[in-house]
Protein backbone atom coordinates (compact mmCIF):
# COMPACT_ATOMS: atom_id res chain seq x y z
CA MET A 1 -4.20 18.61 5.20
CA THR A 2 -7.21 19.07 4.10
CA LYS A 3 -10.84 17.69 4.88
CA ALA A 4 -10.37 15.54 1.22
CA ASP A 5 -6.91 14.47 2.65
CA LEU A 6 -8.75 13.54 6.17
CA ILE A 7 -11.48 11.52 4.50
CA GLU A 8 -8.61 9.34 2.68
CA GLU A 9 -6.50 8.71 5.28
CA VAL A 10 -9.58 7.46 7.01
CA SER A 11 -10.73 5.20 4.44
CA ARG A 12 -7.10 3.95 4.02
CA ALA A 13 -6.62 2.84 7.61
CA VAL A 14 -9.87 1.71 8.73
CA ALA A 15 -10.21 0.18 5.26
CA ILE A 16 -13.81 1.45 4.32
CA PRO A 17 -15.25 2.92 1.37
CA ARG A 18 -14.39 6.16 1.10
CA LYS A 19 -18.35 7.59 0.92
CA ASP A 20 -18.57 5.59 4.71
CA SER A 21 -15.57 8.00 5.99
CA GLU A 22 -16.93 10.80 4.40
CA LEU A 23 -19.75 10.06 6.50
CA ILE A 24 -18.20 9.51 9.41
CA VAL A 25 -15.51 12.48 8.92
CA ASP A 26 -18.62 15.01 8.14
CA ALA A 27 -19.96 13.75 12.08
CA ILE A 28 -17.10 14.56 13.68
CA LEU A 29 -16.72 17.60 12.35
CA ASP A 30 -20.50 18.84 12.77
CA THR A 31 -20.49 17.52 16.07
CA ILE A 32 -16.91 19.63 16.92
CA GLY A 33 -19.08 22.77 15.39
CA ARG A 34 -21.98 22.32 16.95
CA ALA A 35 -20.29 22.18 20.30
CA LEU A 36 -18.60 25.24 19.71
CA ARG A 37 -21.53 27.10 18.79
CA ARG A 38 -22.63 26.57 22.40
CA ALA A 39 -19.48 27.81 23.76
CA ASP A 40 -19.06 24.51 24.97
CA LYS A 41 -15.12 23.25 25.13
CA VAL A 42 -13.84 20.48 23.12
CA GLU A 43 -10.69 18.57 24.11
CA VAL A 44 -9.65 16.12 21.76
CA GLY A 45 -7.24 13.41 23.71
CA GLY A 46 -3.42 13.95 21.80
CA PHE A 47 -4.87 16.16 19.63
CA GLY A 48 -5.73 19.81 21.44
CA ARG A 49 -8.03 22.34 23.20
CA PHE A 50 -10.89 24.11 21.17
CA ARG A 51 -12.93 26.73 22.90
CA MET A 52 -14.70 29.91 21.21
CA ARG A 53 -13.42 33.29 23.28
CA PRO A 54 -15.16 36.56 23.29
CA ARG A 55 -13.34 39.11 21.91
CA ARG A 56 -14.17 43.00 22.90
CA SER A 57 -14.76 45.70 20.88
CA ARG A 58 -11.72 48.39 19.64
CA VAL A 59 -10.81 51.10 17.37
CA GLY A 60 -8.68 50.26 14.16
CA ARG A 61 -6.95 51.81 11.94
CA ASN A 62 -7.57 51.90 7.85
CA PRO A 63 -4.51 50.95 6.84
CA LYS A 64 -4.91 52.57 3.17
CA THR A 65 -6.68 55.68 4.57
CA CYS A 66 -5.18 55.76 7.94
CA ALA A 67 -9.04 56.30 8.94
CA SER A 68 -9.96 54.87 12.42
CA VAL A 69 -12.41 52.41 12.30
CA GLU A 70 -14.87 50.99 14.76
CA VAL A 71 -14.16 47.26 14.88
CA PRO A 72 -16.79 45.46 16.68
CA ALA A 73 -16.81 42.52 19.41
CA LYS A 74 -16.85 39.28 18.06
CA LYS A 75 -16.13 35.44 19.19
CA MET A 76 -12.93 33.62 18.66
CA LEU A 77 -12.19 30.35 17.98
CA THR A 78 -8.62 29.26 20.24
CA SER A 79 -7.10 26.25 20.17
CA ARG A 80 -4.24 24.48 22.67
CA PRO A 81 -2.08 22.08 21.28
CA PRO A 82 -1.75 18.67 23.65
CA GLY A 83 0.12 19.29 26.96
CA SER A 84 0.21 22.99 27.22
């Protein structure tokens, strides 16, 4: 499902204009994104849990040249389905 599909589904389910449902979906996604950037955990009942987790730096390998490459540390989004 794409964002456009989600907007259309919200518009249909609540019987509001597409423009209004687009504002609602954008507001929800922006709020979740800001919370994750602040390293907050996000739990949406019946949908899942989301959080950012640190990943250590490591040595990787370029598959084309087989040369060793330093992969820097970064943060990754993790998610869990409900009930796990």
